[in-house]
Amino acid sequence: MSIRFLRYGGLALALLAGGAQAGPAPRHDPALDRYLRQALAGHQSGFHSPIVARVWLRVMSRRLEPYVANPRARTRLLLAVHTAAAEAEVSPELVLAIINVESDFHRFAVSSTGAQGLMQIMPFWLRQIGHPGDNLFRMRTNLRIGCAILHYYLHRAHGDYSLALQNYYGQMDGIDYAHRVLTLLTDRWYWH
């Protein structure tokens, strides 16, 4: 667990008190806004050792190859995902599954509702957290915001992946989105 998240651990509990939505309509939540601002301030890789890093990168790079042909681009993406996931204390493999469903690893993807980038973040989040000039097509920005939102919903759902994923998606009817992400997590991105 990172020192940064320990220091702001009380903030995560404050998040439970307010509602938030990852879907198209913004809902003002000062606690989530503060949490996202703080999540954007940190940086750590999350690997326990260089050996673990090399093995994880080699295995995940092979799995990512059908989506990202360039080996350097794959490594850069995987390191960015792992770093953002570690900072937010979420599974990098879950993040890879979400990206697989959300954008199919197309960094410049835009949905019909206006969500942008790898994790399909709605632009209103930039205004909500006081970073209106940031660019959601910038990989690091997109991943850090997406992972922080995911962490918030996982915490709020007490670790229930299906519920957290439906909240992340912004729709609670049906389980199709959560099912697609969890299927990819177990069939393609599972680690350990």
C-alpha atoms as a PDB file:
ATOM      1  CA  MET A   1       0.000   0.000   0.000  1.00  0.00           C
ATOM      2  CA  SER A   2       1.472   3.351  -0.951  1.00  0.00           C
ATOM      3  CA  ILE A   3       2.246   5.969   1.667  1.00  0.00           C
ATOM      4  CA  ARG A   4       0.271   8.498  -0.359  1.00  0.00           C
ATOM      5  CA  PHE A   5      -2.900   6.395  -0.144  1.00  0.00           C
ATOM      6  CA  LEU A   6      -2.316   5.699   3.536  1.00  0.00           C
ATOM      7  CA  ARG A   7      -1.987   9.426   4.156  1.00  0.00           C
ATOM      8  CA  TYR A   8      -5.224  10.124   2.336  1.00  0.00           C
ATOM      9  CA  GLY A   9      -6.965   6.938   3.468  1.00  0.00           C
ATOM     10  CA  GLY A  10      -9.547   8.925   5.390  1.00  0.00           C
ATOM     11  CA  LEU A  11     -10.483  10.523   2.105  1.00  0.00           C
ATOM     12  CA  ALA A  12     -11.548   7.143   0.712  1.00  0.00           C
ATOM     13  CA  LEU A  13     -13.956   6.732   3.602  1.00  0.00           C
ATOM     14  CA  ALA A  14     -15.322  10.205   2.952  1.00  0.00           C
ATOM     15  CA  LEU A  15     -16.047   9.118  -0.603  1.00  0.00           C
ATOM     16  CA  LEU A  16     -18.531   6.573   0.650  1.00  0.00           C
ATOM     17  CA  ALA A  17     -20.712   9.310   2.044  1.00  0.00           C
ATOM     18  CA  GLY A  18     -21.317  10.986  -1.323  1.00  0.00           C
ATOM     19  CA  GLY A  19     -22.619   9.721  -4.634  1.00  0.00           C
ATOM     20  CA  ALA A  20     -20.733   9.858  -7.903  1.00  0.00           C
ATOM     21  CA  GLN A  21     -21.318   8.797 -11.442  1.00  0.00           C
ATOM     22  CA  ALA A  22     -18.878   7.801 -14.176  1.00  0.00           C
ATOM     23  CA  GLY A  23     -21.531   8.055 -16.885  1.00  0.00           C
ATOM     24  CA  PRO A  24     -22.441  10.975 -19.108  1.00  0.00           C
ATOM     25  CA  ALA A  25     -24.145  13.264 -16.570  1.00  0.00           C
ATOM     26  CA  PRO A  26     -21.811  14.838 -13.987  1.00  0.00           C
ATOM     27  CA  ARG A  27     -22.904  14.835 -10.385  1.00  0.00           C
ATOM     28  CA  HIS A  28     -21.068  17.232  -8.088  1.00  0.00           C
ATOM     29  CA  ASP A  29     -19.226  15.319  -5.381  1.00  0.00           C
ATOM     30  CA  PRO A  30     -16.593  17.400  -3.579  1.00  0.00           C
ATOM     31  CA  ALA A  31     -15.092  14.325  -1.861  1.00  0.00           C
ATOM     32  CA  LEU A  32     -14.562  12.530  -5.181  1.00  0.00           C
ATOM     33  CA  ASP A  33     -13.183  15.731  -6.710  1.00  0.00           C
ATOM     34  CA  ARG A  34     -10.603  16.003  -3.895  1.00  0.00           C
ATOM     35  CA  TYR A  35      -9.755  12.309  -4.169  1.00  0.00           C
ATOM     36  CA  LEU A  36      -9.123  12.580  -7.906  1.00  0.00           C
ATOM     37  CA  ARG A  37      -6.957  15.690  -7.458  1.00  0.00           C
ATOM     38  CA  GLN A  38      -4.834  13.851  -4.885  1.00  0.00           C
ATOM     39  CA  ALA A  39      -4.594  10.724  -7.034  1.00  0.00           C
ATOM     40  CA  LEU A  40      -3.147  12.803  -9.861  1.00  0.00           C
ATOM     41  CA  ALA A  41      -0.314  13.997  -7.612  1.00  0.00           C
ATOM     42  CA  GLY A  42       1.488  10.665  -7.054  1.00  0.00           C
ATOM     43  CA  HIS A  43       3.824   8.332  -8.949  1.00  0.00           C
ATOM     44  CA  GLN A  44       5.082   4.789  -8.303  1.00  0.00           C
ATOM     45  CA  SER A  45       5.599   1.738 -10.509  1.00  0.00           C
ATOM     46  CA  GLY A  46       4.046  -0.816  -8.166  1.00  0.00           C
ATOM     47  CA  PHE A  47       6.391  -3.681  -9.048  1.00  0.00           C
ATOM     48  CA  HIS A  48       7.837  -5.538  -6.059  1.00  0.00           C
ATOM     49  CA  SER A  49      11.090  -6.356  -7.845  1.00  0.00           C
ATOM     50  CA  PRO A  50      12.779  -6.000 -11.240  1.00  0.00           C
ATOM     51  CA  ILE A  51      12.290  -9.725 -11.847  1.00  0.00           C
ATOM     52  CA  VAL A  52       8.537  -9.508 -11.275  1.00  0.00           C
ATOM     53  CA  ALA A  53       8.440  -6.463 -13.557  1.00  0.00           C
ATOM     54  CA  ARG A  54      10.256  -8.276 -16.389  1.00  0.00           C
ATOM     55  CA  VAL A  55       8.074 -11.381 -16.155  1.00  0.00           C
ATOM     56  CA  TRP A  56       4.799  -9.408 -15.942  1.00  0.00           C
ATOM     57  CA  LEU A  57       5.804  -7.176 -18.849  1.00  0.00           C
ATOM     58  CA  ARG A  58       6.850 -10.147 -21.008  1.00  0.00           C
ATOM     59  CA  VAL A  59       3.629 -12.082 -20.359  1.00  0.00           C
ATOM     60  CA  MET A  60       1.307  -9.092 -20.738  1.00  0.00           C
ATOM     61  CA  SER A  61       3.167  -7.860 -23.809  1.00  0.00           C
ATOM     62  CA  ARG A  62       2.425 -11.139 -25.590  1.00  0.00           C
ATOM     63  CA  ARG A  63      -1.252 -10.819 -24.659  1.00  0.00           C
ATOM     64  CA  LEU A  64      -1.365  -7.194 -25.801  1.00  0.00           C
ATOM     65  CA  GLU A  65       0.392  -7.812 -29.126  1.00  0.00           C
ATOM     66  CA  PRO A  66      -2.835  -8.374 -31.156  1.00  0.00           C
ATOM     67  CA  TYR A  67      -3.944  -4.850 -30.160  1.00  0.00           C
ATOM     68  CA  VAL A  68      -0.646  -2.939 -30.124  1.00  0.00           C
ATOM     69  CA  ALA A  69       1.856  -4.150 -32.725  1.00  0.00           C
ATOM     70  CA  ASN A  70       4.853  -2.013 -31.739  1.00  0.00           C
ATOM     71  CA  PRO A  71       6.843  -3.640 -28.874  1.00  0.00           C
ATOM     72  CA  ARG A  72       8.000  -0.290 -27.432  1.00  0.00           C
ATOM     73  CA  ALA A  73       4.459   1.093 -27.506  1.00  0.00           C
ATOM     74  CA  ARG A  74       3.243  -2.068 -25.717  1.00  0.00           C
ATOM     75  CA  THR A  75       5.874  -1.733 -23.013  1.00  0.00           C
ATOM     76  CA  ARG A  76       5.139   1.973 -22.562  1.00  0.00           C
ATOM     77  CA  LEU A  77       1.406   1.282 -22.265  1.00  0.00           C
ATOM     78  CA  LEU A  78       1.888  -1.612 -19.848  1.00  0.00           C
ATOM     79  CA  LEU A  79       4.207   0.418 -17.614  1.00  0.00           C
ATOM     80  CA  ALA A  80       1.738   3.313 -17.604  1.00  0.00           C
ATOM     81  CA  VAL A  81      -1.151   0.974 -16.736  1.00  0.00           C
ATOM     82  CA  HIS A  82       0.806  -0.722 -13.968  1.00  0.00           C
ATOM     83  CA  THR A  83       1.933   2.608 -12.489  1.00  0.00           C
ATOM     84  CA  ALA A  84      -1.550   4.164 -12.528  1.00  0.00           C
ATOM     85  CA  ALA A  85      -3.101   0.987 -11.106  1.00  0.00           C
ATOM     86  CA  ALA A  86      -0.490   0.805  -8.328  1.00  0.00           C
ATOM     87  CA  GLU A  87      -1.061   4.438  -7.413  1.00  0.00           C
ATOM     88  CA  ALA A  88      -4.821   3.845  -7.193  1.00  0.00           C
ATOM     89  CA  GLU A  89      -4.396   0.442  -5.537  1.00  0.00           C
ATOM     90  CA  VAL A  90      -6.377  -1.431  -8.183  1.00  0.00           C
ATOM     91  CA  SER A  91      -5.457  -4.494 -10.212  1.00  0.00           C
ATOM     92  CA  PRO A  92      -3.529  -3.613 -13.379  1.00  0.00           C
ATOM     93  CA  GLU A  93      -5.050  -6.681 -14.984  1.00  0.00           C
ATOM     94  CA  LEU A  94      -8.553  -5.379 -14.250  1.00  0.00           C
ATOM     95  CA  VAL A  95      -7.543  -2.063 -15.797  1.00  0.00           C
ATOM     96  CA  LEU A  96      -6.311  -3.892 -18.918  1.00  0.00           C
ATOM     97  CA  ALA A  97      -9.654  -5.711 -19.151  1.00  0.00           C
ATOM     98  CA  ILE A  98     -11.542  -2.412 -18.823  1.00  0.00           C
ATOM     99  CA  ILE A  99      -9.410  -0.806 -21.535  1.00  0.00           C
ATOM    100  CA  ASN A 100      -9.971  -3.847 -23.732  1.00  0.00           C
ATOM    101  CA  VAL A 101     -13.763  -3.377 -23.456  1.00  0.00           C
ATOM    102  CA  GLU A 102     -13.822   0.432 -23.410  1.00  0.00           C
ATOM    103  CA  SER A 103     -11.453   1.386 -26.237  1.00  0.00           C
ATOM    104  CA  ASP A 104      -9.866  -1.836 -27.500  1.00  0.00           C
ATOM    105  CA  PHE A 105      -6.531  -0.125 -26.709  1.00  0.00           C
ATOM    106  CA  HIS A 106      -7.152   2.805 -29.083  1.00  0.00           C
ATOM    107  CA  ARG A 107      -5.675   5.789 -27.252  1.00  0.00           C
ATOM    108  CA  PHE A 108      -7.666   8.319 -29.274  1.00  0.00           C
ATOM    109  CA  ALA A 109     -11.035   6.536 -29.047  1.00  0.00           C
ATOM    110  CA  VAL A 110     -14.128   8.707 -28.557  1.00  0.00           C
ATOM    111  CA  SER A 111     -17.497   7.174 -27.672  1.00  0.00           C
ATOM    112  CA  SER A 112     -20.885   8.303 -28.935  1.00  0.00           C
ATOM    113  CA  THR A 113     -21.423   9.964 -25.522  1.00  0.00           C
ATOM    114  CA  GLY A 114     -18.097  11.829 -25.730  1.00  0.00           C
ATOM    115  CA  ALA A 115     -15.971   9.632 -23.435  1.00  0.00           C
ATOM    116  CA  GLN A 116     -12.326   9.801 -24.431  1.00  0.00           C
ATOM    117  CA  GLY A 117      -9.141   7.779 -24.459  1.00  0.00           C
ATOM    118  CA  LEU A 118      -8.110   4.347 -23.275  1.00  0.00           C
ATOM    119  CA  MET A 119     -10.433   4.159 -20.252  1.00  0.00           C
ATOM    120  CA  GLN A 120     -13.161   6.270 -21.889  1.00  0.00           C
ATOM    121  CA  ILE A 121     -13.229   9.118 -19.381  1.00  0.00           C
ATOM    122  CA  MET A 122     -15.923  11.765 -19.703  1.00  0.00           C
ATOM    123  CA  PRO A 123     -14.442  15.271 -20.200  1.00  0.00           C
ATOM    124  CA  PHE A 124     -16.503  16.728 -17.336  1.00  0.00           C
ATOM    125  CA  TRP A 125     -14.105  15.006 -14.908  1.00  0.00           C
ATOM    126  CA  LEU A 126     -11.340  17.424 -15.890  1.00  0.00           C
ATOM    127  CA  ARG A 127     -13.486  20.390 -14.861  1.00  0.00           C
ATOM    128  CA  GLN A 128     -14.713  18.609 -11.730  1.00  0.00           C
ATOM    129  CA  ILE A 129     -11.189  18.042 -10.418  1.00  0.00           C
ATOM    130  CA  GLY A 130      -9.850  21.454 -11.405  1.00  0.00           C
ATOM    131  CA  HIS A 131      -7.756  20.347 -14.399  1.00  0.00           C
ATOM    132  CA  PRO A 132      -9.803  21.730 -17.324  1.00  0.00           C
ATOM    133  CA  GLY A 133      -6.697  22.176 -19.497  1.00  0.00           C
ATOM    134  CA  ASP A 134      -5.565  18.548 -19.244  1.00  0.00           C
ATOM    135  CA  ASN A 135      -5.909  16.218 -22.202  1.00  0.00           C
ATOM    136  CA  LEU A 136      -7.738  12.886 -21.802  1.00  0.00           C
ATOM    137  CA  PHE A 137      -5.905  11.541 -24.835  1.00  0.00           C
ATOM    138  CA  ARG A 138      -2.681  11.844 -22.851  1.00  0.00           C
ATOM    139  CA  MET A 139      -2.203   8.257 -21.706  1.00  0.00           C
ATOM    140  CA  ARG A 140      -0.986   9.045 -18.176  1.00  0.00           C
ATOM    141  CA  THR A 141      -3.818  11.498 -17.471  1.00  0.00           C
ATOM    142  CA  ASN A 142      -6.480   9.125 -18.790  1.00  0.00           C
ATOM    143  CA  LEU A 143      -5.142   6.144 -16.846  1.00  0.00           C
ATOM    144  CA  ARG A 144      -4.686   8.005 -13.578  1.00  0.00           C
ATOM    145  CA  ILE A 145      -8.197   9.460 -13.624  1.00  0.00           C
ATOM    146  CA  GLY A 146      -9.749   6.154 -14.766  1.00  0.00           C
ATOM    147  CA  CYS A 147      -7.906   4.136 -12.111  1.00  0.00           C
ATOM    148  CA  ALA A 148      -8.822   6.616  -9.374  1.00  0.00           C
ATOM    149  CA  ILE A 149     -12.498   6.453 -10.380  1.00  0.00           C
ATOM    150  CA  LEU A 150     -12.295   2.647 -10.445  1.00  0.00           C
ATOM    151  CA  HIS A 151     -10.722   2.601  -6.970  1.00  0.00           C
ATOM    152  CA  TYR A 152     -13.494   4.830  -5.669  1.00  0.00           C
ATOM    153  CA  TYR A 153     -16.225   2.551  -7.029  1.00  0.00           C
ATOM    154  CA  LEU A 154     -14.496  -0.626  -5.808  1.00  0.00           C
ATOM    155  CA  HIS A 155     -14.202   0.855  -2.330  1.00  0.00           C
ATOM    156  CA  ARG A 156     -17.800   2.043  -2.390  1.00  0.00           C
ATOM    157  CA  ALA A 157     -18.953  -1.425  -3.562  1.00  0.00           C
ATOM    158  CA  HIS A 158     -16.903  -3.121  -0.810  1.00  0.00           C
ATOM    159  CA  GLY A 159     -14.821  -4.960  -3.422  1.00  0.00           C
ATOM    160  CA  ASP A 160     -17.781  -6.202  -5.497  1.00  0.00           C
ATOM    161  CA  TYR A 161     -16.274  -6.074  -8.996  1.00  0.00           C
ATOM    162  CA  SER A 162     -19.622  -6.368 -10.806  1.00  0.00           C
ATOM    163  CA  LEU A 163     -21.209  -3.497  -8.915  1.00  0.00           C
ATOM    164  CA  ALA A 164     -18.090  -1.327  -9.174  1.00  0.00           C
ATOM    165  CA  LEU A 165     -17.810  -1.961 -12.910  1.00  0.00           C
ATOM    166  CA  GLN A 166     -21.456  -1.112 -13.545  1.00  0.00           C
ATOM    167  CA  ASN A 167     -20.931   2.143 -11.627  1.00  0.00           C
ATOM    168  CA  TYR A 168     -17.789   2.854 -13.635  1.00  0.00           C
ATOM    169  CA  TYR A 169     -19.781   2.285 -16.814  1.00  0.00           C
ATOM    170  CA  GLY A 170     -22.490   4.612 -15.546  1.00  0.00           C
ATOM    171  CA  GLN A 171     -25.431   2.253 -15.977  1.00  0.00           C
ATOM    172  CA  MET A 172     -26.864  -0.086 -13.402  1.00  0.00           C
ATOM    173  CA  ASP A 173     -29.377  -1.922 -15.574  1.00  0.00           C
ATOM    174  CA  GLY A 174     -28.174  -5.345 -16.606  1.00  0.00           C
ATOM    175  CA  ILE A 175     -24.766  -6.874 -16.071  1.00  0.00           C
ATOM    176  CA  ASP A 176     -23.501  -6.994 -19.651  1.00  0.00           C
ATOM    177  CA  TYR A 177     -20.647  -4.505 -19.172  1.00  0.00           C
ATOM    178  CA  ALA A 178     -19.369  -6.087 -15.960  1.00  0.00           C
ATOM    179  CA  HIS A 179     -19.685  -9.533 -17.517  1.00  0.00           C
ATOM    180  CA  ARG A 180     -17.642  -8.527 -20.579  1.00  0.00           C
ATOM    181  CA  VAL A 181     -14.878  -6.990 -18.428  1.00  0.00           C
ATOM    182  CA  LEU A 182     -14.756  -9.909 -15.999  1.00  0.00           C
ATOM    183  CA  THR A 183     -14.717 -12.446 -18.844  1.00  0.00           C
ATOM    184  CA  LEU A 184     -11.704 -10.703 -20.376  1.00  0.00           C
ATOM    185  CA  LEU A 185     -10.074 -10.485 -16.961  1.00  0.00           C
ATOM    186  CA  THR A 186     -10.326 -14.242 -16.447  1.00  0.00           C
ATOM    187  CA  ASP A 187      -9.772 -15.351 -20.070  1.00  0.00           C
ATOM    188  CA  ARG A 188      -7.049 -12.971 -21.244  1.00  0.00           C
ATOM    189  CA  TRP A 189      -5.600 -10.725 -18.518  1.00  0.00           C
ATOM    190  CA  TYR A 190      -5.574 -12.891 -15.390  1.00  0.00           C
ATOM    191  CA  TRP A 191      -2.285 -12.932 -13.486  1.00  0.00           C
ATOM    192  CA  HIS A 192      -1.341 -15.449 -10.736  1.00  0.00           C
END
